[in-house]
Amino acid sequence: MSSHPAAIRILLADDHAMFRSGIAALLLQQPQMTLVAEAEDGQQAVALYQQHRPDITLMDLQMNGMDGVVTIEAIRAIDPAARIIAVTTYSSEVLVHRAMRAGVSSYLLKSMLIKELITTIDCVHRGQRHLPAEIAQMLSFSLNNEQLTRREIEVLSLAAQGNSNKMIASRLGISEDTVKSYMSTLFGKLGANDRTHAVALALKSGLIAS
């Protein structure tokens, strides 16, 4: 596994050896990325994460034994800032929501990998959420008011009015860090890449008024 001084360090977890080999070959062509470890199940993925502390983890959601979502939760319990990209064969709405609630930064279908993987890794490494249009559309169509708490809707409504996190905190009588936490949760629930995207999805779905 070759490395580069500024390379993005990646952990790959998937129980299919041929799939891992394919991803390894794809990453080998990227001088700005290096595959530091491969895991064939969830327990091994958690152990390797602790050992290597990669910049990005590519996590298969359907692994034997400890499944991908449980593994994601275990890794984020160790490191809440872990940047994880869920990878799966299935575009199940339930699975997408489970993964987003667990804290993934992106969700890719394996059929999308050749086209989307490198761009997604770059975006997530920069601290952005990145969802392919098909997944974002699926999430936006399934939204309903019961998914967001009253406070989350208040935060999102104030954001839609152009208020900064500091201004929202002042309006609601909470800390700026609490507002940031609400926004992070909202990004996950809405499948949004950033604040503007979250507001647009909420307006489109009728969660907040324009």
C-alpha atoms as a PDB file:
ATOM      1  CA  MET A   1       0.000   0.000   0.000  1.00  0.00           C
ATOM      2  CA  SER A   2       1.724   3.153  -1.183  1.00  0.00           C
ATOM      3  CA  SER A   3       1.559   6.418   0.711  1.00  0.00           C
ATOM      4  CA  HIS A   4       1.896  10.143   0.056  1.00  0.00           C
ATOM      5  CA  PRO A   5       2.841  12.875   2.567  1.00  0.00           C
ATOM      6  CA  ALA A   6      -0.596  14.470   2.417  1.00  0.00           C
ATOM      7  CA  ALA A   7      -2.520  11.338   1.512  1.00  0.00           C
ATOM      8  CA  ILE A   8      -6.035  10.761   2.814  1.00  0.00           C
ATOM      9  CA  ARG A   9      -5.755   7.644   4.974  1.00  0.00           C
ATOM     10  CA  ILE A  10      -8.573   5.162   4.346  1.00  0.00           C
ATOM     11  CA  LEU A  11      -9.904   2.077   6.149  1.00  0.00           C
ATOM     12  CA  LEU A  12     -12.040  -0.291   4.053  1.00  0.00           C
ATOM     13  CA  ALA A  13     -14.473  -2.695   5.739  1.00  0.00           C
ATOM     14  CA  ASP A  14     -16.248  -5.280   3.566  1.00  0.00           C
ATOM     15  CA  ASP A  15     -16.696  -9.031   3.881  1.00  0.00           C
ATOM     16  CA  HIS A  16     -16.119  -9.712   0.176  1.00  0.00           C
ATOM     17  CA  ALA A  17     -12.441 -10.082  -0.708  1.00  0.00           C
ATOM     18  CA  MET A  18     -12.994  -9.402  -4.422  1.00  0.00           C
ATOM     19  CA  PHE A  19     -14.787  -6.141  -3.654  1.00  0.00           C
ATOM     20  CA  ARG A  20     -11.964  -5.053  -1.350  1.00  0.00           C
ATOM     21  CA  SER A  21      -9.449  -5.860  -4.078  1.00  0.00           C
ATOM     22  CA  GLY A  22     -11.380  -3.745  -6.584  1.00  0.00           C
ATOM     23  CA  ILE A  23     -11.542  -0.749  -4.253  1.00  0.00           C
ATOM     24  CA  ALA A  24      -7.864  -1.177  -3.365  1.00  0.00           C
ATOM     25  CA  ALA A  25      -6.982  -1.095  -7.068  1.00  0.00           C
ATOM     26  CA  LEU A  26      -9.090   2.043  -7.582  1.00  0.00           C
ATOM     27  CA  LEU A  27      -7.479   3.829  -4.629  1.00  0.00           C
ATOM     28  CA  LEU A  28      -4.004   2.808  -5.781  1.00  0.00           C
ATOM     29  CA  GLN A  29      -4.541   5.049  -8.815  1.00  0.00           C
ATOM     30  CA  GLN A  30      -5.090   8.075  -6.546  1.00  0.00           C
ATOM     31  CA  PRO A  31      -1.803   9.607  -5.345  1.00  0.00           C
ATOM     32  CA  GLN A  32      -3.663  11.697  -2.763  1.00  0.00           C
ATOM     33  CA  MET A  33      -5.173   8.636  -1.092  1.00  0.00           C
ATOM     34  CA  THR A  34      -3.771   5.588   0.668  1.00  0.00           C
ATOM     35  CA  LEU A  35      -5.491   2.448   1.928  1.00  0.00           C
ATOM     36  CA  VAL A  36      -4.085   1.862   5.407  1.00  0.00           C
ATOM     37  CA  ALA A  37      -6.096  -1.223   6.385  1.00  0.00           C
ATOM     38  CA  GLU A  38      -8.791  -3.669   5.270  1.00  0.00           C
ATOM     39  CA  ALA A  39     -11.345  -5.333   7.554  1.00  0.00           C
ATOM     40  CA  GLU A  40     -13.504  -8.325   6.668  1.00  0.00           C
ATOM     41  CA  ASP A  41     -16.025  -7.919   9.498  1.00  0.00           C
ATOM     42  CA  GLY A  42     -17.321  -5.362  11.977  1.00  0.00           C
ATOM     43  CA  GLN A  43     -15.229  -6.377  14.973  1.00  0.00           C
ATOM     44  CA  GLN A  44     -12.052  -6.230  12.922  1.00  0.00           C
ATOM     45  CA  ALA A  45     -13.108  -2.832  11.554  1.00  0.00           C
ATOM     46  CA  VAL A  46     -13.467  -1.419  15.071  1.00  0.00           C
ATOM     47  CA  ALA A  47     -10.070  -2.808  16.104  1.00  0.00           C
ATOM     48  CA  LEU A  48      -8.360  -1.464  12.975  1.00  0.00           C
ATOM     49  CA  TYR A  49     -10.009   1.922  13.431  1.00  0.00           C
ATOM     50  CA  GLN A  50      -8.588   2.137  16.947  1.00  0.00           C
ATOM     51  CA  GLN A  51      -5.170   1.120  15.649  1.00  0.00           C
ATOM     52  CA  HIS A  52      -4.935   3.367  12.577  1.00  0.00           C
ATOM     53  CA  ARG A  53      -7.377   6.248  13.234  1.00  0.00           C
ATOM     54  CA  PRO A  54      -7.970   6.710   9.469  1.00  0.00           C
ATOM     55  CA  ASP A  55      -9.221   9.950   7.933  1.00  0.00           C
ATOM     56  CA  ILE A  56     -12.030   8.109   6.120  1.00  0.00           C
ATOM     57  CA  THR A  57     -13.713   4.751   6.691  1.00  0.00           C
ATOM     58  CA  LEU A  58     -15.551   2.978   3.866  1.00  0.00           C
ATOM     59  CA  MET A  59     -18.115   0.740   5.574  1.00  0.00           C
ATOM     60  CA  ASP A  60     -20.161  -2.025   3.972  1.00  0.00           C
ATOM     61  CA  LEU A  61     -23.574  -2.134   5.655  1.00  0.00           C
ATOM     62  CA  GLN A  62     -24.323  -5.830   5.052  1.00  0.00           C
ATOM     63  CA  MET A  63     -21.520  -7.776   6.696  1.00  0.00           C
ATOM     64  CA  ASN A  64     -21.760 -11.135   8.421  1.00  0.00           C
ATOM     65  CA  GLY A  65     -21.918 -11.008  12.199  1.00  0.00           C
ATOM     66  CA  MET A  66     -21.693  -7.416  13.424  1.00  0.00           C
ATOM     67  CA  ASP A  67     -23.467  -5.427  10.720  1.00  0.00           C
ATOM     68  CA  GLY A  68     -22.300  -2.146   9.277  1.00  0.00           C
ATOM     69  CA  VAL A  69     -24.649   0.187  11.163  1.00  0.00           C
ATOM     70  CA  VAL A  70     -23.731  -1.362  14.528  1.00  0.00           C
ATOM     71  CA  THR A  71     -20.068  -1.098  13.546  1.00  0.00           C
ATOM     72  CA  ILE A  72     -20.511   2.573  12.635  1.00  0.00           C
ATOM     73  CA  GLU A  73     -22.096   3.227  16.032  1.00  0.00           C
ATOM     74  CA  ALA A  74     -19.208   1.433  17.759  1.00  0.00           C
ATOM     75  CA  ILE A  75     -16.594   3.455  15.870  1.00  0.00           C
ATOM     76  CA  ARG A  76     -18.362   6.737  16.582  1.00  0.00           C
ATOM     77  CA  ALA A  77     -18.546   5.818  20.251  1.00  0.00           C
ATOM     78  CA  ILE A  78     -14.741   5.671  20.144  1.00  0.00           C
ATOM     79  CA  ASP A  79     -14.404   8.777  17.970  1.00  0.00           C
ATOM     80  CA  PRO A  80     -17.486  11.003  17.508  1.00  0.00           C
ATOM     81  CA  ALA A  81     -15.613  12.883  14.766  1.00  0.00           C
ATOM     82  CA  ALA A  82     -15.075   9.728  12.667  1.00  0.00           C
ATOM     83  CA  ARG A  83     -15.834  10.336   8.989  1.00  0.00           C
ATOM     84  CA  ILE A  84     -17.576   7.284   7.588  1.00  0.00           C
ATOM     85  CA  ILE A  85     -18.953   6.573   4.130  1.00  0.00           C
ATOM     86  CA  ALA A  86     -21.593   3.831   4.033  1.00  0.00           C
ATOM     87  CA  VAL A  87     -21.337   1.494   1.055  1.00  0.00           C
ATOM     88  CA  THR A  88     -24.043  -1.007   0.131  1.00  0.00           C
ATOM     89  CA  THR A  89     -25.725  -2.851  -2.709  1.00  0.00           C
ATOM     90  CA  TYR A  90     -29.205  -1.843  -1.532  1.00  0.00           C
ATOM     91  CA  SER A  91     -31.017   1.491  -1.816  1.00  0.00           C
ATOM     92  CA  SER A  92     -33.394   0.632   1.031  1.00  0.00           C
ATOM     93  CA  GLU A  93     -34.988   3.744   2.524  1.00  0.00           C
ATOM     94  CA  VAL A  94     -34.921   2.160   5.988  1.00  0.00           C
ATOM     95  CA  LEU A  95     -31.234   1.304   5.647  1.00  0.00           C
ATOM     96  CA  VAL A  96     -30.388   4.805   4.452  1.00  0.00           C
ATOM     97  CA  HIS A  97     -32.115   6.311   7.486  1.00  0.00           C
ATOM     98  CA  ARG A  98     -30.410   3.864   9.870  1.00  0.00           C
ATOM     99  CA  ALA A  99     -27.026   4.743   8.438  1.00  0.00           C
ATOM    100  CA  MET A 100     -27.671   8.492   8.548  1.00  0.00           C
ATOM    101  CA  ARG A 101     -28.862   8.298  12.153  1.00  0.00           C
ATOM    102  CA  ALA A 102     -25.717   6.342  13.024  1.00  0.00           C
ATOM    103  CA  GLY A 103     -23.722   9.321  11.778  1.00  0.00           C
ATOM    104  CA  VAL A 104     -22.373   8.549   8.317  1.00  0.00           C
ATOM    105  CA  SER A 105     -21.193  11.433   6.163  1.00  0.00           C
ATOM    106  CA  SER A 106     -22.262   9.819   2.911  1.00  0.00           C
ATOM    107  CA  TYR A 107     -24.125   6.806   1.564  1.00  0.00           C
ATOM    108  CA  LEU A 108     -23.077   5.193  -1.695  1.00  0.00           C
ATOM    109  CA  LEU A 109     -24.490   2.299  -3.654  1.00  0.00           C
ATOM    110  CA  LYS A 110     -21.823  -0.072  -4.930  1.00  0.00           C
ATOM    111  CA  SER A 111     -23.093   0.564  -8.453  1.00  0.00           C
ATOM    112  CA  MET A 112     -22.104   4.235  -7.989  1.00  0.00           C
ATOM    113  CA  LEU A 113     -18.555   3.673  -6.753  1.00  0.00           C
ATOM    114  CA  ILE A 114     -16.542   4.091  -9.951  1.00  0.00           C
ATOM    115  CA  LYS A 115     -18.314   7.373 -10.704  1.00  0.00           C
ATOM    116  CA  GLU A 116     -18.787   8.772  -7.190  1.00  0.00           C
ATOM    117  CA  LEU A 117     -16.222   7.282  -4.787  1.00  0.00           C
ATOM    118  CA  ILE A 118     -13.228   9.591  -5.275  1.00  0.00           C
ATOM    119  CA  THR A 119     -15.364  12.760  -5.273  1.00  0.00           C
ATOM    120  CA  THR A 120     -17.190  11.565  -2.171  1.00  0.00           C
ATOM    121  CA  ILE A 121     -13.975  10.789  -0.290  1.00  0.00           C
ATOM    122  CA  ASP A 122     -12.630  14.266  -1.136  1.00  0.00           C
ATOM    123  CA  CYS A 123     -15.831  15.978   0.035  1.00  0.00           C
ATOM    124  CA  VAL A 124     -16.110  14.016   3.274  1.00  0.00           C
ATOM    125  CA  HIS A 125     -12.426  14.581   4.032  1.00  0.00           C
ATOM    126  CA  ARG A 126     -13.092  18.339   3.778  1.00  0.00           C
ATOM    127  CA  GLY A 127     -15.791  17.948   6.427  1.00  0.00           C
ATOM    128  CA  GLN A 128     -18.750  18.059   4.059  1.00  0.00           C
ATOM    129  CA  ARG A 129     -21.659  15.692   3.731  1.00  0.00           C
ATOM    130  CA  HIS A 130     -21.973  14.322   0.222  1.00  0.00           C
ATOM    131  CA  LEU A 131     -25.016  12.410  -0.984  1.00  0.00           C
ATOM    132  CA  PRO A 132     -25.633  11.324  -4.570  1.00  0.00           C
ATOM    133  CA  ALA A 133     -28.833  12.818  -6.013  1.00  0.00           C
ATOM    134  CA  GLU A 134     -30.642   9.461  -5.918  1.00  0.00           C
ATOM    135  CA  ILE A 135     -30.076   9.064  -2.170  1.00  0.00           C
ATOM    136  CA  ALA A 136     -30.819  12.719  -1.327  1.00  0.00           C
ATOM    137  CA  GLN A 137     -34.054  12.525  -3.301  1.00  0.00           C
ATOM    138  CA  MET A 138     -35.079   9.353  -1.482  1.00  0.00           C
ATOM    139  CA  LEU A 139     -34.529  11.040   1.871  1.00  0.00           C
ATOM    140  CA  SER A 140     -36.355  14.240   0.933  1.00  0.00           C
ATOM    141  CA  PHE A 141     -39.424  12.370  -0.297  1.00  0.00           C
ATOM    142  CA  SER A 142     -39.682  10.431   2.969  1.00  0.00           C
ATOM    143  CA  LEU A 143     -39.468  13.405   5.306  1.00  0.00           C
ATOM    144  CA  ASN A 144     -42.302  14.233   7.663  1.00  0.00           C
ATOM    145  CA  ASN A 145     -42.796  16.511  10.649  1.00  0.00           C
ATOM    146  CA  GLU A 146     -42.536  13.697  13.172  1.00  0.00           C
ATOM    147  CA  GLN A 147     -38.882  13.137  12.241  1.00  0.00           C
ATOM    148  CA  LEU A 148     -37.836  16.556  13.540  1.00  0.00           C
ATOM    149  CA  THR A 149     -38.298  17.793  17.087  1.00  0.00           C
ATOM    150  CA  ARG A 150     -39.939  21.141  17.770  1.00  0.00           C
ATOM    151  CA  ARG A 151     -36.560  22.639  18.669  1.00  0.00           C
ATOM    152  CA  GLU A 152     -34.942  21.300  15.489  1.00  0.00           C
ATOM    153  CA  ILE A 153     -37.689  22.926  13.417  1.00  0.00           C
ATOM    154  CA  GLU A 154     -37.137  26.216  15.300  1.00  0.00           C
ATOM    155  CA  VAL A 155     -33.396  26.091  14.592  1.00  0.00           C
ATOM    156  CA  LEU A 156     -33.966  25.270  10.935  1.00  0.00           C
ATOM    157  CA  SER A 157     -36.600  28.003  10.541  1.00  0.00           C
ATOM    158  CA  LEU A 158     -34.219  30.618  11.973  1.00  0.00           C
ATOM    159  CA  ALA A 159     -31.441  29.354   9.692  1.00  0.00           C
ATOM    160  CA  ALA A 160     -33.794  29.721   6.726  1.00  0.00           C
ATOM    161  CA  GLN A 161     -34.273  33.383   7.710  1.00  0.00           C
ATOM    162  CA  GLY A 162     -30.533  33.945   7.321  1.00  0.00           C
ATOM    163  CA  ASN A 163     -29.551  33.854  10.983  1.00  0.00           C
ATOM    164  CA  SER A 164     -26.034  32.727  11.890  1.00  0.00           C
ATOM    165  CA  ASN A 165     -25.454  30.064  14.562  1.00  0.00           C
ATOM    166  CA  LYS A 166     -24.587  32.840  17.023  1.00  0.00           C
ATOM    167  CA  MET A 167     -27.818  34.703  16.244  1.00  0.00           C
ATOM    168  CA  ILE A 168     -29.889  31.507  16.544  1.00  0.00           C
ATOM    169  CA  ALA A 169     -28.286  30.776  19.908  1.00  0.00           C
ATOM    170  CA  SER A 170     -29.166  34.259  21.125  1.00  0.00           C
ATOM    171  CA  ARG A 171     -32.763  34.020  19.881  1.00  0.00           C
ATOM    172  CA  LEU A 172     -33.354  30.635  21.522  1.00  0.00           C
ATOM    173  CA  GLY A 173     -31.346  31.228  24.699  1.00  0.00           C
ATOM    174  CA  ILE A 174     -28.969  28.310  24.077  1.00  0.00           C
ATOM    175  CA  SER A 175     -25.229  28.059  23.411  1.00  0.00           C
ATOM    176  CA  GLU A 176     -23.680  28.337  19.954  1.00  0.00           C
ATOM    177  CA  ASP A 177     -22.228  24.830  20.400  1.00  0.00           C
ATOM    178  CA  THR A 178     -25.748  23.521  21.030  1.00  0.00           C
ATOM    179  CA  VAL A 179     -26.922  25.135  17.794  1.00  0.00           C
ATOM    180  CA  LYS A 180     -24.037  23.492  15.936  1.00  0.00           C
ATOM    181  CA  SER A 181     -25.063  20.150  17.440  1.00  0.00           C
ATOM    182  CA  TYR A 182     -28.664  20.678  16.291  1.00  0.00           C
ATOM    183  CA  MET A 183     -27.468  21.555  12.789  1.00  0.00           C
ATOM    184  CA  SER A 184     -25.303  18.434  12.620  1.00  0.00           C
ATOM    185  CA  THR A 185     -28.270  16.287  13.669  1.00  0.00           C
ATOM    186  CA  LEU A 186     -30.477  18.024  11.099  1.00  0.00           C
ATOM    187  CA  PHE A 187     -27.974  17.321   8.332  1.00  0.00           C
ATOM    188  CA  GLY A 188     -28.164  13.632   9.213  1.00  0.00           C
ATOM    189  CA  LYS A 189     -31.944  13.496   9.436  1.00  0.00           C
ATOM    190  CA  LEU A 190     -32.473  15.438   6.231  1.00  0.00           C
ATOM    191  CA  GLY A 191     -29.624  13.876   4.277  1.00  0.00           C
ATOM    192  CA  ALA A 192     -28.251  17.360   3.650  1.00  0.00           C
ATOM    193  CA  ASN A 193     -24.718  18.247   2.591  1.00  0.00           C
ATOM    194  CA  ASP A 194     -24.735  21.668   4.271  1.00  0.00           C
ATOM    195  CA  ARG A 195     -26.979  24.342   5.813  1.00  0.00           C
ATOM    196  CA  THR A 196     -28.266  25.677   2.479  1.00  0.00           C
ATOM    197  CA  HIS A 197     -29.126  22.158   1.330  1.00  0.00           C
ATOM    198  CA  ALA A 198     -30.904  21.415   4.640  1.00  0.00           C
ATOM    199  CA  VAL A 199     -33.054  24.542   4.338  1.00  0.00           C
ATOM    200  CA  ALA A 200     -33.896  23.770   0.701  1.00  0.00           C
ATOM    201  CA  LEU A 201     -34.955  20.194   1.532  1.00  0.00           C
ATOM    202  CA  ALA A 202     -37.049  21.332   4.495  1.00  0.00           C
ATOM    203  CA  LEU A 203     -38.809  24.005   2.425  1.00  0.00           C
ATOM    204  CA  LYS A 204     -39.474  21.539  -0.390  1.00  0.00           C
ATOM    205  CA  SER A 205     -40.917  19.011   2.028  1.00  0.00           C
ATOM    206  CA  GLY A 206     -43.052  21.534   3.904  1.00  0.00           C
ATOM    207  CA  LEU A 207     -41.212  21.078   7.203  1.00  0.00           C
ATOM    208  CA  ILE A 208     -40.751  24.834   7.501  1.00  0.00           C
ATOM    209  CA  ALA A 209     -42.564  27.770   5.934  1.00  0.00           C
ATOM    210  CA  SER A 210     -40.943  29.941   3.275  1.00  0.00           C
END
